[in-house]
Protein backbone atom coordinates (compact mmCIF):
# COMPACT_ATOMS: atom_id res chain seq x y z
CA UNK A 1 0.00 0.00 0.00
CA UNK A 2 1.55 3.30 -1.16
CA UNK A 3 0.50 6.69 0.18
CA UNK A 4 1.37 9.41 -2.34
CA UNK A 5 2.83 12.77 -1.35
CA UNK A 6 4.05 13.61 -4.84
CA UNK A 7 1.91 13.96 -7.97
CA UNK A 8 -1.39 13.40 -6.16
CA UNK A 9 -0.87 16.42 -3.88
CA UNK A 10 -0.94 20.09 -5.01
CA UNK A 11 1.94 22.23 -3.74
CA UNK A 12 -0.12 24.22 -1.18
CA UNK A 13 -1.27 20.97 0.47
CA UNK A 14 2.08 19.20 0.88
CA UNK A 15 2.34 19.78 4.63
CA UNK A 16 -1.25 18.72 5.28
CA UNK A 17 -0.78 15.57 3.19
CA UNK A 18 2.42 14.71 5.06
CA UNK A 19 0.60 14.93 8.40
CA UNK A 20 -2.21 12.73 7.07
CA UNK A 21 0.35 10.18 5.85
CA UNK A 22 1.94 10.01 9.30
CA UNK A 23 -1.45 9.27 10.87
CA UNK A 24 -2.11 6.62 8.22
CA UNK A 25 1.25 4.92 8.78
CA UNK A 26 0.46 4.52 12.47
CA UNK A 27 -3.14 3.41 11.89
CA UNK A 28 -2.63 1.08 8.93
CA UNK A 29 0.56 -0.48 10.23
CA UNK A 30 -0.77 -1.22 13.70
CA UNK A 31 -2.76 -4.49 13.24
CA UNK A 32 -0.74 -7.68 13.22
CA UNK A 33 -0.43 -9.02 9.70
CA UNK A 34 -1.23 -5.62 8.16
CA UNK A 35 0.17 -4.94 4.68
CA UNK A 36 3.44 -3.06 4.31
CA UNK A 37 2.76 0.68 4.29
CA UNK A 38 4.91 2.71 1.91
CA UNK A 39 5.00 6.42 1.18
CA UNK A 40 5.97 8.00 -2.11
CA UNK A 41 7.80 11.13 -1.05
CA UNK A 42 8.55 14.13 -3.22
CA UNK A 43 11.59 14.11 -5.49
CA UNK A 44 15.07 14.60 -4.03
CA UNK A 45 15.23 17.82 -6.05
CA UNK A 46 12.30 19.46 -4.25
CA UNK A 47 12.15 21.52 -1.07
CA UNK A 48 9.74 18.99 0.49
CA UNK A 49 12.00 15.95 0.24
CA UNK A 50 13.96 16.17 3.50
CA UNK A 51 10.87 16.91 5.59
CA UNK A 52 9.00 14.05 3.90
CA UNK A 53 11.75 11.53 4.67
CA UNK A 54 12.25 12.73 8.22
CA UNK A 55 8.55 12.51 9.01
CA UNK A 56 7.83 9.09 7.52
CA UNK A 57 10.96 7.48 8.96
CA UNK A 58 10.04 8.76 12.42
CA UNK A 59 6.54 7.33 11.98
CA UNK A 60 7.97 3.88 11.20
CA UNK A 61 7.09 3.65 7.51
CA UNK A 62 7.78 0.26 5.94
CA UNK A 63 9.11 1.57 2.63
CA UNK A 64 9.99 4.86 1.00
CA UNK A 65 9.20 5.22 -2.69
CA UNK A 66 11.39 7.88 -4.29
CA UNK A 67 10.16 9.25 -7.64
CA UNK A 68 12.19 10.45 -10.59
CA UNK A 69 15.62 9.25 -9.48
CA UNK A 70 18.25 10.04 -12.08
CA UNK A 71 21.75 9.61 -10.71
CA UNK A 72 24.03 8.27 -8.01
CA UNK A 73 24.06 11.80 -6.55
CA UNK A 74 20.29 11.55 -6.06
CA UNK A 75 20.77 8.22 -4.29
CA UNK A 76 23.47 9.66 -2.03
CA UNK A 77 21.10 12.42 -1.00
CA UNK A 78 18.41 9.82 -0.29
CA UNK A 79 20.71 7.79 1.95
CA UNK A 80 21.87 10.96 3.71
CA UNK A 81 18.27 11.97 4.39
CA UNK A 82 17.38 8.54 5.77
CA UNK A 83 20.45 8.59 8.01
CA UNK A 84 19.73 12.14 9.17
CA UNK A 85 16.22 11.03 10.09
CA UNK A 86 17.76 8.70 12.65
CA UNK A 87 17.01 5.40 10.97
CA UNK A 88 18.74 2.29 12.31
CA UNK A 89 19.43 -1.14 10.86
CA UNK A 90 16.64 -2.78 12.88
CA UNK A 91 13.08 -3.23 11.67
CA UNK A 92 11.38 -1.53 14.63
CA UNK A 93 9.58 1.85 14.29
CA UNK A 94 12.23 4.36 13.29
CA UNK A 95 14.15 1.60 11.50
CA UNK A 96 15.65 1.83 8.06
CA UNK A 97 12.74 1.34 5.64
CA UNK A 98 12.90 -0.50 2.36
CA UNK A 99 13.74 1.78 -0.56
CA UNK A 100 11.94 1.75 -3.91
CA UNK A 101 13.37 3.68 -6.87
CA UNK A 102 11.10 5.48 -9.30
CA UNK A 103 12.55 5.47 -12.83
CA UNK A 104 10.50 8.03 -14.72
CA UNK A 105 12.73 10.28 -16.83
CA UNK A 106 14.98 9.91 -19.84
CA UNK A 107 18.11 10.29 -17.72
CA UNK A 108 16.73 8.02 -15.02
CA UNK A 109 16.23 5.24 -17.55
CA UNK A 110 19.55 5.76 -19.34
CA UNK A 111 21.58 5.66 -16.11
CA UNK A 112 19.53 3.12 -14.15
CA UNK A 113 22.35 0.59 -13.92
CA UNK A 114 24.61 3.16 -12.23
CA UNK A 115 22.43 3.62 -9.15
CA UNK A 116 19.90 0.77 -8.78
CA UNK A 117 22.24 -1.57 -6.92
CA UNK A 118 22.81 0.97 -4.15
CA UNK A 119 20.45 -0.26 -1.44
CA UNK A 120 17.14 -0.61 -3.28
CA UNK A 121 14.69 -3.45 -2.71
CA UNK A 122 12.65 -2.64 -5.82
CA UNK A 123 12.10 -0.13 -8.59
CA UNK A 124 9.24 0.88 -10.84
CA UNK A 125 9.04 2.27 -14.35
CA UNK A 126 6.85 5.37 -14.65
CA UNK A 127 5.72 5.50 -18.26
CA UNK A 128 3.57 8.62 -18.01
CA UNK A 129 6.34 10.89 -16.70
CA UNK A 130 8.92 9.23 -18.96
CA UNK A 131 6.93 9.98 -22.12
CA UNK A 132 6.28 13.54 -20.95
CA UNK A 133 10.01 14.01 -20.35
CA UNK A 134 10.75 12.64 -23.82
CA UNK A 135 8.23 15.01 -25.40
CA UNK A 136 6.38 12.03 -26.85
CA UNK A 137 2.78 10.87 -27.08
CA UNK A 138 1.33 8.28 -24.69
CA UNK A 139 -0.64 5.55 -26.50
CA UNK A 140 -2.44 2.36 -25.52
CA UNK A 141 -0.05 0.33 -27.70
CA UNK A 142 2.92 1.13 -25.41
CA UNK A 143 5.15 1.24 -28.51
CA UNK A 144 6.64 4.53 -27.32
CA UNK A 145 7.90 2.93 -24.08
CA UNK A 146 8.92 -0.44 -25.48
CA UNK A 147 12.66 0.16 -25.24
CA UNK A 148 12.66 1.93 -21.88
CA UNK A 149 10.29 -0.59 -20.33
CA UNK A 150 12.54 -3.45 -21.35
CA UNK A 151 15.69 -1.64 -20.30
CA UNK A 152 14.38 -0.94 -16.79
CA UNK A 153 13.62 -4.65 -16.38
CA UNK A 154 17.14 -5.47 -17.61
CA UNK A 155 18.84 -2.95 -15.31
CA UNK A 156 16.84 -4.18 -12.34
CA UNK A 157 17.79 -7.78 -13.05
CA UNK A 158 21.48 -6.94 -13.38
CA UNK A 159 21.37 -5.02 -10.09
CA UNK A 160 19.39 -7.68 -8.22
CA UNK A 161 16.33 -5.48 -7.73
CA UNK A 162 12.67 -6.43 -8.21
CA UNK A 163 11.05 -4.42 -11.03
CA UNK A 164 7.43 -3.20 -10.94
CA UNK A 165 5.62 -2.39 -14.19
CA UNK A 166 3.80 0.74 -15.33
CA UNK A 167 0.41 1.88 -14.09
CA UNK A 168 -2.68 1.39 -16.22
CA UNK A 169 -4.35 4.77 -15.88
CA UNK A 170 -7.72 3.67 -17.28
CA UNK A 171 -9.05 1.89 -14.20
CA UNK A 172 -12.13 0.69 -16.09
CA UNK A 173 -10.11 -1.12 -18.77
CA UNK A 174 -9.48 -4.54 -17.20
CA UNK A 175 -8.53 -6.00 -20.58
CA UNK A 176 -5.71 -3.50 -21.06
CA UNK A 177 -4.48 -4.06 -17.52
CA UNK A 178 -4.37 -7.82 -18.06
CA UNK A 179 -2.58 -7.41 -21.40
CA UNK A 180 0.03 -5.07 -19.95
CA UNK A 181 0.55 -7.35 -16.95
CA UNK A 182 1.15 -10.32 -19.26
CA UNK A 183 3.66 -8.24 -21.24
CA UNK A 184 5.39 -7.22 -18.03
CA UNK A 185 5.67 -10.75 -16.76
CA UNK A 186 7.15 -11.84 -20.09
CA UNK A 187 9.74 -9.04 -19.78
CA UNK A 188 10.77 -10.20 -16.32
CA UNK A 189 8.88 -7.75 -14.14
CA UNK A 190 8.00 -9.05 -10.68
CA UNK A 191 4.74 -7.15 -10.36
CA UNK A 192 2.67 -4.23 -11.56
CA UNK A 193 1.66 -0.95 -9.95
CA UNK A 194 -2.04 -0.66 -9.14
CA UNK A 195 -3.85 2.66 -8.75
CA UNK A 196 -7.29 1.26 -7.87
CA UNK A 197 -8.41 -1.65 -5.66
CA UNK A 198 -10.12 -3.36 -8.60
CA UNK A 199 -6.71 -3.80 -10.26
CA UNK A 200 -5.18 -5.76 -7.37
CA UNK A 201 -6.85 -9.08 -8.18
CA UNK A 202 -5.92 -8.68 -11.85
CA UNK A 203 -2.27 -8.17 -10.93
CA UNK A 204 -2.29 -11.13 -8.56
CA UNK A 205 -3.74 -13.36 -11.27
CA UNK A 206 -1.20 -12.18 -13.84
CA UNK A 207 1.86 -12.78 -11.66
CA UNK A 208 0.72 -16.01 -9.99
CA UNK A 209 1.35 -19.19 -12.01
CA UNK A 210 -1.75 -21.23 -12.85
CA UNK A 211 -2.16 -24.80 -11.62
CA UNK A 212 -1.43 -25.98 -15.15
CA UNK A 213 1.82 -23.98 -15.28
CA UNK A 214 2.92 -25.31 -11.89
CA UNK A 215 2.11 -28.89 -12.89
CA UNK A 216 4.01 -28.55 -16.16
CA UNK A 217 7.02 -27.02 -14.39
CA UNK A 218 7.16 -29.99 -12.04
CA UNK A 219 6.95 -32.45 -14.92
CA UNK A 220 9.64 -30.57 -16.85
CA UNK A 221 12.00 -30.70 -13.88
CA UNK A 222 11.31 -34.38 -13.27
CA UNK A 223 12.08 -35.19 -16.91
CA UNK A 224 15.14 -32.95 -16.81
CA UNK A 225 16.49 -34.62 -13.66
CA UNK A 226 16.08 -38.03 -15.28
CA UNK A 227 17.89 -36.81 -18.39
CA UNK A 228 20.76 -35.45 -16.31
CA UNK A 229 21.17 -38.80 -14.60
CA UNK A 230 21.61 -40.31 -18.06
CA UNK A 231 24.12 -37.61 -19.02
CA UNK A 232 21.80 -36.05 -21.61
CA UNK A 233 22.02 -32.27 -22.11
CA UNK A 234 18.77 -31.68 -24.00
CA UNK A 235 15.54 -33.64 -24.31
CA UNK A 236 12.26 -33.55 -26.19
CA UNK A 237 9.36 -33.01 -23.80
CA UNK A 238 5.78 -32.84 -25.07
CA UNK A 239 7.00 -31.69 -28.46
CA UNK A 240 9.35 -29.02 -27.09
CA UNK A 241 13.12 -28.97 -26.69
CA UNK A 242 14.08 -28.77 -23.02
CA UNK A 243 17.56 -27.68 -21.95
CA UNK A 244 19.03 -25.83 -18.96
CA UNK A 245 17.41 -22.41 -19.71
CA UNK A 246 13.99 -24.07 -19.87
CA UNK A 247 14.71 -25.90 -16.61
CA UNK A 248 15.72 -22.60 -15.03
CA UNK A 249 12.39 -21.10 -16.05
CA UNK A 250 10.54 -24.08 -14.56
CA UNK A 251 12.40 -23.59 -11.28
CA UNK A 252 11.40 -19.92 -11.29
CA UNK A 253 7.73 -20.88 -11.69
CA UNK A 254 7.92 -23.11 -8.62
CA UNK A 255 9.87 -20.51 -6.64
CA UNK A 256 7.20 -17.89 -7.29
CA UNK A 257 4.55 -19.92 -5.46
CA UNK A 258 6.64 -20.34 -2.30
């Protein structure tokens, strides 16, 4: 669950929104088993950033989502702000929260590999801001973000960070959400941003293997193990060539359900 202090809040209301977020962190994070509460703060290049970080860290936020990161200098400022807020290495209130990088500009995409490995648990690709920064046109085909979307997934993988896919702004278009989620999963994204409760179940369905996929993965690995015992490096399985990359994918399917 992400509380937004950035784009969703007009400039005159930033302080009021910050106070409301602090109350929400305490309330939503109190019950045992409650979902992780995250806050998207304002960009490191704004006057609100330091106060945002200080306030949410003190309130015990579970994760800080930082939009429009572009460079290692931005990341250094983020770490400095978290440290200045008094965060520790424990997971108690006031502890160091998880960090999520927002990759939403041309420079942020181009330089993602230079900063993503520096302490982030996850990142997301923001297509709307990226296209605006590029001076392009946003379309339902996603052709205009094809390269950047794939590159963010690649950079995240190289840096060992989970990647979260673009938002689907049309909350009534379940078909588009499902299509984009399937594309994202094929690209290697670990999940998809949701901006409305009705999208949550769609995302869960898209990124959770079906019973048929799980069953096939188990059968692939069983056949592969038998082949390895015989010293065979590739086998035909149900009309498809199976080798180590296919076995790796089958293992990933099983890992995702655990």
